[in-house]
């Protein structure tokens, strides 16, 4: 990530790059399983091996997003520039909903990670002046869904809040609560590091990690493109295999 002064924070980019590679591997396994190419077949919805990875990946992305907001605010990013970037995230969220409705009409994504980030980025920016208080506010956001649940929040129009009594049937669900807490902690950590340990974010990365830092500069583009590429490659490989088998049987 770079600031308005042109300074790059390669270590944060590299950390984001780790999350991106992890996500890509996870989604590739999901796609292979969806098309019956992963044996034995996996349960990505209930097997802790996969569900815990998903939680870790989303958490890492939101932590990085929170730290990124700390850097942007420290560099003097105004609301107009923020809204331009926000519009990209929100627009991509709409595309994800449309694409998922085509692939998974019964479990399409109405409020996934990009939808959640679009809302949480605004809330985090508004809460940024609290600084140290962000730790407490983040903790409250993390705990609240365990303490408060109500059927009112089970509808398609309200489940984005997160205080649901049952998880909606969807391929991706990242409600504001509890996930806002993770982003707020990322924001608080970023503010603290910039004030006390700036070198941990701004320092150079080892040569071996530079590809991750480069990848980490393009999270939204990578997120939107990697699944179509994976699915296209898998379907292409299936078609080639079917054609090959038909030819060799003659």
C-alpha atoms as a PDB file:
ATOM      1  CA  UNK A   1       0.000   0.000   0.000  1.00  0.00           C
ATOM      2  CA  UNK A   2       1.221   3.518  -0.782  1.00  0.00           C
ATOM      3  CA  UNK A   3       0.355   6.834   0.829  1.00  0.00           C
ATOM      4  CA  UNK A   4      -0.169  10.197  -0.814  1.00  0.00           C
ATOM      5  CA  UNK A   5       3.558  10.855  -0.281  1.00  0.00           C
ATOM      6  CA  UNK A   6       4.461   7.844  -2.422  1.00  0.00           C
ATOM      7  CA  UNK A   7       5.844   5.800   0.480  1.00  0.00           C
ATOM      8  CA  UNK A   8       5.057   2.115   0.115  1.00  0.00           C
ATOM      9  CA  UNK A   9       4.239  -0.072   3.071  1.00  0.00           C
ATOM     10  CA  UNK A  10       5.533  -3.299   1.562  1.00  0.00           C
ATOM     11  CA  UNK A  11       5.183  -5.331   4.734  1.00  0.00           C
ATOM     12  CA  UNK A  12       1.454  -4.697   4.871  1.00  0.00           C
ATOM     13  CA  UNK A  13       1.228  -5.459   1.145  1.00  0.00           C
ATOM     14  CA  UNK A  14       3.068  -8.745   1.732  1.00  0.00           C
ATOM     15  CA  UNK A  15       0.739  -9.675   4.585  1.00  0.00           C
ATOM     16  CA  UNK A  16      -2.233  -8.951   2.348  1.00  0.00           C
ATOM     17  CA  UNK A  17      -0.542 -11.031  -0.346  1.00  0.00           C
ATOM     18  CA  UNK A  18      -0.392 -13.986   2.045  1.00  0.00           C
ATOM     19  CA  UNK A  19      -4.143 -13.686   2.594  1.00  0.00           C
ATOM     20  CA  UNK A  20      -4.720 -13.522  -1.167  1.00  0.00           C
ATOM     21  CA  UNK A  21      -2.677 -16.649  -1.921  1.00  0.00           C
ATOM     22  CA  UNK A  22      -4.344 -18.512   0.945  1.00  0.00           C
ATOM     23  CA  UNK A  23      -7.757 -17.459  -0.343  1.00  0.00           C
ATOM     24  CA  UNK A  24      -6.875 -18.543  -3.881  1.00  0.00           C
ATOM     25  CA  UNK A  25      -5.776 -21.999  -2.732  1.00  0.00           C
ATOM     26  CA  UNK A  26      -8.951 -22.316  -0.654  1.00  0.00           C
ATOM     27  CA  UNK A  27     -11.181 -21.315  -3.579  1.00  0.00           C
ATOM     28  CA  UNK A  28      -9.341 -23.603  -5.991  1.00  0.00           C
ATOM     29  CA  UNK A  29      -9.978 -26.533  -3.658  1.00  0.00           C
ATOM     30  CA  UNK A  30     -13.631 -25.471  -3.371  1.00  0.00           C
ATOM     31  CA  UNK A  31     -13.986 -25.323  -7.149  1.00  0.00           C
ATOM     32  CA  UNK A  32     -12.325 -28.696  -7.671  1.00  0.00           C
ATOM     33  CA  UNK A  33     -14.640 -30.174  -5.057  1.00  0.00           C
ATOM     34  CA  UNK A  34     -17.701 -28.509  -6.628  1.00  0.00           C
ATOM     35  CA  UNK A  35     -16.949 -30.140  -9.985  1.00  0.00           C
ATOM     36  CA  UNK A  36     -16.221 -33.517  -8.402  1.00  0.00           C
ATOM     37  CA  UNK A  37     -12.479 -33.396  -9.026  1.00  0.00           C
ATOM     38  CA  UNK A  38     -11.351 -33.411  -5.408  1.00  0.00           C
ATOM     39  CA  UNK A  39     -11.259 -36.853  -3.832  1.00  0.00           C
ATOM     40  CA  UNK A  40     -12.397 -37.728  -1.312  1.00  0.00           C
ATOM     41  CA  UNK A  41     -15.240 -35.201  -1.551  1.00  0.00           C
ATOM     42  CA  UNK A  42     -15.026 -32.422   1.039  1.00  0.00           C
ATOM     43  CA  UNK A  43     -17.662 -30.591   3.066  1.00  0.00           C
ATOM     44  CA  UNK A  44     -16.641 -26.930   2.911  1.00  0.00           C
ATOM     45  CA  UNK A  45     -19.708 -25.843   4.864  1.00  0.00           C
ATOM     46  CA  UNK A  46     -19.289 -27.913   8.028  1.00  0.00           C
ATOM     47  CA  UNK A  47     -15.817 -29.513   8.157  1.00  0.00           C
ATOM     48  CA  UNK A  48     -13.743 -27.502  10.688  1.00  0.00           C
ATOM     49  CA  UNK A  49     -10.642 -27.974   8.526  1.00  0.00           C
ATOM     50  CA  UNK A  50     -12.260 -25.748   5.899  1.00  0.00           C
ATOM     51  CA  UNK A  51     -14.529 -23.518   8.000  1.00  0.00           C
ATOM     52  CA  UNK A  52     -11.679 -22.503  10.307  1.00  0.00           C
ATOM     53  CA  UNK A  53      -9.511 -21.651   7.320  1.00  0.00           C
ATOM     54  CA  UNK A  54     -12.260 -19.455   5.936  1.00  0.00           C
ATOM     55  CA  UNK A  55     -12.518 -17.644   9.272  1.00  0.00           C
ATOM     56  CA  UNK A  56      -8.760 -17.102   9.348  1.00  0.00           C
ATOM     57  CA  UNK A  57      -8.628 -15.837   5.760  1.00  0.00           C
ATOM     58  CA  UNK A  58     -11.473 -13.352   6.241  1.00  0.00           C
ATOM     59  CA  UNK A  59      -9.948 -12.199   9.535  1.00  0.00           C
ATOM     60  CA  UNK A  60      -6.579 -11.571   7.894  1.00  0.00           C
ATOM     61  CA  UNK A  61      -8.184  -9.591   5.074  1.00  0.00           C
ATOM     62  CA  UNK A  62     -10.176  -7.430   7.494  1.00  0.00           C
ATOM     63  CA  UNK A  63      -7.153  -6.827   9.716  1.00  0.00           C
ATOM     64  CA  UNK A  64      -5.212  -5.654   6.672  1.00  0.00           C
ATOM     65  CA  UNK A  65      -8.136  -3.478   5.585  1.00  0.00           C
ATOM     66  CA  UNK A  66      -8.237  -1.865   9.023  1.00  0.00           C
ATOM     67  CA  UNK A  67      -4.500  -1.199   8.992  1.00  0.00           C
ATOM     68  CA  UNK A  68      -4.853   0.178   5.481  1.00  0.00           C
ATOM     69  CA  UNK A  69      -7.412   2.672   6.745  1.00  0.00           C
ATOM     70  CA  UNK A  70      -4.989   3.769   9.468  1.00  0.00           C
ATOM     71  CA  UNK A  71      -2.353   4.450   6.805  1.00  0.00           C
ATOM     72  CA  UNK A  72      -4.818   6.287   4.569  1.00  0.00           C
ATOM     73  CA  UNK A  73      -5.995   8.540   7.387  1.00  0.00           C
ATOM     74  CA  UNK A  74      -2.456   9.208   8.561  1.00  0.00           C
ATOM     75  CA  UNK A  75      -1.584  10.247   4.988  1.00  0.00           C
ATOM     76  CA  UNK A  76      -4.489  12.690   4.953  1.00  0.00           C
ATOM     77  CA  UNK A  77      -6.850  10.828   2.635  1.00  0.00           C
ATOM     78  CA  UNK A  78     -10.033  12.881   2.375  1.00  0.00           C
ATOM     79  CA  UNK A  79     -13.609  11.688   2.017  1.00  0.00           C
ATOM     80  CA  UNK A  80     -13.755  12.265  -1.780  1.00  0.00           C
ATOM     81  CA  UNK A  81     -10.866   9.851  -2.411  1.00  0.00           C
ATOM     82  CA  UNK A  82     -12.280   7.435   0.127  1.00  0.00           C
ATOM     83  CA  UNK A  83     -15.644   7.391  -1.637  1.00  0.00           C
ATOM     84  CA  UNK A  84     -13.983   6.699  -5.003  1.00  0.00           C
ATOM     85  CA  UNK A  85     -12.304   3.626  -3.589  1.00  0.00           C
ATOM     86  CA  UNK A  86     -15.454   2.666  -1.699  1.00  0.00           C
ATOM     87  CA  UNK A  87     -17.478   2.793  -4.937  1.00  0.00           C
ATOM     88  CA  UNK A  88     -15.116   0.214  -6.453  1.00  0.00           C
ATOM     89  CA  UNK A  89     -15.649  -2.147  -3.532  1.00  0.00           C
ATOM     90  CA  UNK A  90     -19.423  -1.653  -3.548  1.00  0.00           C
ATOM     91  CA  UNK A  91     -19.618  -2.074  -7.314  1.00  0.00           C
ATOM     92  CA  UNK A  92     -17.657  -5.324  -7.159  1.00  0.00           C
ATOM     93  CA  UNK A  93     -19.976  -6.522  -4.382  1.00  0.00           C
ATOM     94  CA  UNK A  94     -22.924  -6.072  -6.734  1.00  0.00           C
ATOM     95  CA  UNK A  95     -21.101  -8.060  -9.432  1.00  0.00           C
ATOM     96  CA  UNK A  96     -20.423 -10.855  -6.936  1.00  0.00           C
ATOM     97  CA  UNK A  97     -24.128 -11.013  -6.096  1.00  0.00           C
ATOM     98  CA  UNK A  98     -25.059 -11.202  -9.764  1.00  0.00           C
ATOM     99  CA  UNK A  99     -22.460 -13.843 -10.559  1.00  0.00           C
ATOM    100  CA  UNK A 100     -23.347 -15.980  -7.559  1.00  0.00           C
ATOM    101  CA  UNK A 101     -27.060 -15.759  -8.415  1.00  0.00           C
ATOM    102  CA  UNK A 102     -26.209 -17.311 -11.773  1.00  0.00           C
ATOM    103  CA  UNK A 103     -24.068 -20.111 -10.316  1.00  0.00           C
ATOM    104  CA  UNK A 104     -25.924 -20.688  -7.040  1.00  0.00           C
ATOM    105  CA  UNK A 105     -29.522 -19.478  -7.490  1.00  0.00           C
ATOM    106  CA  UNK A 106     -30.627 -21.043  -4.193  1.00  0.00           C
ATOM    107  CA  UNK A 107     -27.685 -19.779  -2.132  1.00  0.00           C
ATOM    108  CA  UNK A 108     -26.521 -16.630  -3.893  1.00  0.00           C
ATOM    109  CA  UNK A 109     -24.369 -14.119  -2.041  1.00  0.00           C
ATOM    110  CA  UNK A 110     -26.436 -11.219  -0.742  1.00  0.00           C
ATOM    111  CA  UNK A 111     -23.966 -10.024   1.901  1.00  0.00           C
ATOM    112  CA  UNK A 112     -20.512 -11.515   1.496  1.00  0.00           C
ATOM    113  CA  UNK A 113     -17.058 -10.226   2.270  1.00  0.00           C
ATOM    114  CA  UNK A 114     -17.150  -7.296  -0.180  1.00  0.00           C
ATOM    115  CA  UNK A 115     -20.620  -6.241   0.944  1.00  0.00           C
ATOM    116  CA  UNK A 116     -19.451  -6.396   4.543  1.00  0.00           C
ATOM    117  CA  UNK A 117     -16.276  -4.467   3.795  1.00  0.00           C
ATOM    118  CA  UNK A 118     -18.231  -1.722   2.036  1.00  0.00           C
ATOM    119  CA  UNK A 119     -20.265  -1.100   5.191  1.00  0.00           C
ATOM    120  CA  UNK A 120     -17.437  -1.688   7.645  1.00  0.00           C
ATOM    121  CA  UNK A 121     -15.018   0.672   5.890  1.00  0.00           C
ATOM    122  CA  UNK A 122     -17.446   3.549   6.425  1.00  0.00           C
ATOM    123  CA  UNK A 123     -18.056   2.619  10.072  1.00  0.00           C
ATOM    124  CA  UNK A 124     -14.332   2.172  10.739  1.00  0.00           C
ATOM    125  CA  UNK A 125     -13.500   5.544   9.245  1.00  0.00           C
ATOM    126  CA  UNK A 126     -16.152   7.223  11.387  1.00  0.00           C
ATOM    127  CA  UNK A 127     -14.830   5.436  14.485  1.00  0.00           C
ATOM    128  CA  UNK A 128     -11.142   6.159  13.766  1.00  0.00           C
ATOM    129  CA  UNK A 129     -10.931   9.231  16.083  1.00  0.00           C
ATOM    130  CA  UNK A 130     -11.539   6.937  19.073  1.00  0.00           C
ATOM    131  CA  UNK A 131      -7.986   5.585  18.626  1.00  0.00           C
ATOM    132  CA  UNK A 132      -7.290   3.495  21.761  1.00  0.00           C
ATOM    133  CA  UNK A 133     -11.020   3.134  22.317  1.00  0.00           C
ATOM    134  CA  UNK A 134     -11.193   1.102  19.122  1.00  0.00           C
ATOM    135  CA  UNK A 135      -9.894  -1.940  21.010  1.00  0.00           C
ATOM    136  CA  UNK A 136     -12.881  -1.857  23.367  1.00  0.00           C
ATOM    137  CA  UNK A 137     -15.361  -1.077  20.590  1.00  0.00           C
ATOM    138  CA  UNK A 138     -13.930  -3.903  18.502  1.00  0.00           C
ATOM    139  CA  UNK A 139     -14.235  -6.318  21.393  1.00  0.00           C
ATOM    140  CA  UNK A 140     -17.873  -5.284  21.879  1.00  0.00           C
ATOM    141  CA  UNK A 141     -18.579  -5.907  18.183  1.00  0.00           C
ATOM    142  CA  UNK A 142     -17.010  -9.368  18.432  1.00  0.00           C
ATOM    143  CA  UNK A 143     -18.943 -10.353  21.553  1.00  0.00           C
ATOM    144  CA  UNK A 144     -22.344  -8.808  20.812  1.00  0.00           C
ATOM    145  CA  UNK A 145     -23.619 -11.522  18.402  1.00  0.00           C
ATOM    146  CA  UNK A 146     -23.015 -14.119  21.103  1.00  0.00           C
ATOM    147  CA  UNK A 147     -25.123 -12.145  23.573  1.00  0.00           C
ATOM    148  CA  UNK A 148     -27.887 -10.735  21.380  1.00  0.00           C
ATOM    149  CA  UNK A 149     -29.870 -12.700  18.793  1.00  0.00           C
ATOM    150  CA  UNK A 150     -33.368 -11.971  17.523  1.00  0.00           C
ATOM    151  CA  UNK A 151     -35.613 -13.313  14.725  1.00  0.00           C
ATOM    152  CA  UNK A 152     -35.969  -9.740  13.458  1.00  0.00           C
ATOM    153  CA  UNK A 153     -32.457 -10.056  12.044  1.00  0.00           C
ATOM    154  CA  UNK A 154     -33.165 -13.344  10.230  1.00  0.00           C
ATOM    155  CA  UNK A 155     -34.770 -11.695   7.203  1.00  0.00           C
ATOM    156  CA  UNK A 156     -32.911 -11.062   3.920  1.00  0.00           C
ATOM    157  CA  UNK A 157     -33.236  -7.325   4.612  1.00  0.00           C
ATOM    158  CA  UNK A 158     -31.762  -7.376   8.125  1.00  0.00           C
ATOM    159  CA  UNK A 159     -29.373 -10.350   8.361  1.00  0.00           C
ATOM    160  CA  UNK A 160     -26.487  -8.118   7.236  1.00  0.00           C
ATOM    161  CA  UNK A 161     -26.350  -6.810  10.813  1.00  0.00           C
ATOM    162  CA  UNK A 162     -25.327 -10.245  12.118  1.00  0.00           C
ATOM    163  CA  UNK A 163     -27.584 -10.687  15.151  1.00  0.00           C
ATOM    164  CA  UNK A 164     -29.268 -13.700  13.555  1.00  0.00           C
ATOM    165  CA  UNK A 165     -30.718 -16.753  15.270  1.00  0.00           C
ATOM    166  CA  UNK A 166     -29.788 -18.896  12.267  1.00  0.00           C
ATOM    167  CA  UNK A 167     -27.243 -18.426   9.505  1.00  0.00           C
ATOM    168  CA  UNK A 168     -28.812 -17.682   6.111  1.00  0.00           C
ATOM    169  CA  UNK A 169     -28.382 -20.149   3.242  1.00  0.00           C
ATOM    170  CA  UNK A 170     -25.690 -18.458   1.183  1.00  0.00           C
ATOM    171  CA  UNK A 171     -22.266 -19.198  -0.281  1.00  0.00           C
ATOM    172  CA  UNK A 172     -20.648 -16.343   1.630  1.00  0.00           C
ATOM    173  CA  UNK A 173     -21.830 -14.460   4.687  1.00  0.00           C
ATOM    174  CA  UNK A 174     -19.777 -11.737   6.367  1.00  0.00           C
ATOM    175  CA  UNK A 175     -22.187  -9.630   8.458  1.00  0.00           C
ATOM    176  CA  UNK A 176     -21.191  -6.397  10.139  1.00  0.00           C
ATOM    177  CA  UNK A 177     -21.255  -8.097  13.535  1.00  0.00           C
ATOM    178  CA  UNK A 178     -18.962  -9.647  14.639  1.00  0.00           C
ATOM    179  CA  UNK A 179     -16.607  -8.895  11.709  1.00  0.00           C
ATOM    180  CA  UNK A 180     -16.521  -5.147  12.280  1.00  0.00           C
ATOM    181  CA  UNK A 181     -14.576  -5.931  15.443  1.00  0.00           C
ATOM    182  CA  UNK A 182     -11.750  -7.476  13.420  1.00  0.00           C
ATOM    183  CA  UNK A 183     -11.474  -4.428  11.156  1.00  0.00           C
ATOM    184  CA  UNK A 184     -11.555  -2.074  14.133  1.00  0.00           C
ATOM    185  CA  UNK A 185      -8.728  -4.020  15.749  1.00  0.00           C
ATOM    186  CA  UNK A 186      -6.790  -3.771  12.494  1.00  0.00           C
ATOM    187  CA  UNK A 187      -7.388  -0.011  12.482  1.00  0.00           C
ATOM    188  CA  UNK A 188      -6.313   0.286  16.119  1.00  0.00           C
ATOM    189  CA  UNK A 189      -3.217  -1.839  15.491  1.00  0.00           C
ATOM    190  CA  UNK A 190      -2.326   0.266  12.456  1.00  0.00           C
ATOM    191  CA  UNK A 191      -2.648   3.506  14.414  1.00  0.00           C
ATOM    192  CA  UNK A 192      -0.488   2.127  17.232  1.00  0.00           C
ATOM    193  CA  UNK A 193       2.178   0.811  14.864  1.00  0.00           C
ATOM    194  CA  UNK A 194       2.374   4.105  12.975  1.00  0.00           C
ATOM    195  CA  UNK A 195       2.930   5.921  16.260  1.00  0.00           C
ATOM    196  CA  UNK A 196       5.213   3.490  18.065  1.00  0.00           C
ATOM    197  CA  UNK A 197       6.615   0.892  15.626  1.00  0.00           C
ATOM    198  CA  UNK A 198       6.365   2.438  12.177  1.00  0.00           C
ATOM    199  CA  UNK A 199       9.229   0.327  10.872  1.00  0.00           C
ATOM    200  CA  UNK A 200       7.194  -2.844  11.292  1.00  0.00           C
ATOM    201  CA  UNK A 201       4.908  -1.598   8.508  1.00  0.00           C
ATOM    202  CA  UNK A 202       7.236   0.504   6.385  1.00  0.00           C
ATOM    203  CA  UNK A 203      10.372  -1.640   6.495  1.00  0.00           C
ATOM    204  CA  UNK A 204      11.678  -3.500   3.463  1.00  0.00           C
ATOM    205  CA  UNK A 205      10.649  -7.107   2.897  1.00  0.00           C
ATOM    206  CA  UNK A 206      13.028  -9.955   2.039  1.00  0.00           C
ATOM    207  CA  UNK A 207      13.559 -10.662  -1.648  1.00  0.00           C
ATOM    208  CA  UNK A 208      11.580 -13.899  -1.352  1.00  0.00           C
ATOM    209  CA  UNK A 209       8.519 -11.968  -0.148  1.00  0.00           C
ATOM    210  CA  UNK A 210       8.579  -9.254  -2.813  1.00  0.00           C
ATOM    211  CA  UNK A 211       6.204 -11.168  -5.119  1.00  0.00           C
ATOM    212  CA  UNK A 212       3.698 -11.286  -2.254  1.00  0.00           C
ATOM    213  CA  UNK A 213       4.114  -7.547  -1.665  1.00  0.00           C
ATOM    214  CA  UNK A 214       3.524  -6.880  -5.363  1.00  0.00           C
ATOM    215  CA  UNK A 215       0.454  -9.110  -5.388  1.00  0.00           C
ATOM    216  CA  UNK A 216      -0.849  -7.437  -2.239  1.00  0.00           C
ATOM    217  CA  UNK A 217      -1.140  -4.101  -4.052  1.00  0.00           C
ATOM    218  CA  UNK A 218      -4.027  -5.403  -6.161  1.00  0.00           C
ATOM    219  CA  UNK A 219      -6.434  -7.149  -3.763  1.00  0.00           C
ATOM    220  CA  UNK A 220      -9.721  -6.123  -5.363  1.00  0.00           C
ATOM    221  CA  UNK A 221      -8.663  -6.946  -8.924  1.00  0.00           C
ATOM    222  CA  UNK A 222      -7.264 -10.288  -7.805  1.00  0.00           C
ATOM    223  CA  UNK A 223     -10.405 -11.094  -5.833  1.00  0.00           C
ATOM    224  CA  UNK A 224     -12.668 -10.416  -8.800  1.00  0.00           C
ATOM    225  CA  UNK A 225     -10.562 -12.259 -11.378  1.00  0.00           C
ATOM    226  CA  UNK A 226      -9.218 -15.363  -9.664  1.00  0.00           C
ATOM    227  CA  UNK A 227     -12.488 -17.303  -9.494  1.00  0.00           C
ATOM    228  CA  UNK A 228     -13.506 -16.768 -13.147  1.00  0.00           C
ATOM    229  CA  UNK A 229      -9.984 -17.842 -14.142  1.00  0.00           C
ATOM    230  CA  UNK A 230     -10.122 -20.953 -11.946  1.00  0.00           C
ATOM    231  CA  UNK A 231     -13.599 -21.956 -13.096  1.00  0.00           C
ATOM    232  CA  UNK A 232     -12.746 -21.314 -16.737  1.00  0.00           C
ATOM    233  CA  UNK A 233      -9.563 -23.381 -16.455  1.00  0.00           C
ATOM    234  CA  UNK A 234     -11.352 -26.263 -14.732  1.00  0.00           C
ATOM    235  CA  UNK A 235     -14.192 -26.318 -17.267  1.00  0.00           C
ATOM    236  CA  UNK A 236     -11.687 -26.078 -20.094  1.00  0.00           C
ATOM    237  CA  UNK A 237      -9.722 -29.008 -18.682  1.00  0.00           C
ATOM    238  CA  UNK A 238     -12.934 -31.047 -18.343  1.00  0.00           C
ATOM    239  CA  UNK A 239     -13.881 -30.349 -21.972  1.00  0.00           C
ATOM    240  CA  UNK A 240     -10.402 -31.295 -23.201  1.00  0.00           C
ATOM    241  CA  UNK A 241     -10.492 -34.502 -21.175  1.00  0.00           C
ATOM    242  CA  UNK A 242     -13.932 -35.458 -22.518  1.00  0.00           C
ATOM    243  CA  UNK A 243     -12.875 -34.767 -26.112  1.00  0.00           C
ATOM    244  CA  UNK A 244      -9.672 -36.746 -25.625  1.00  0.00           C
ATOM    245  CA  UNK A 245     -11.569 -39.746 -24.291  1.00  0.00           C
ATOM    246  CA  UNK A 246     -14.032 -39.618 -27.189  1.00  0.00           C
ATOM    247  CA  UNK A 247     -11.206 -39.507 -29.700  1.00  0.00           C
ATOM    248  CA  UNK A 248      -9.210 -42.333 -28.113  1.00  0.00           C
ATOM    249  CA  UNK A 249     -12.269 -44.609 -28.021  1.00  0.00           C
ATOM    250  CA  UNK A 250     -12.592 -44.583 -31.790  1.00  0.00           C
END
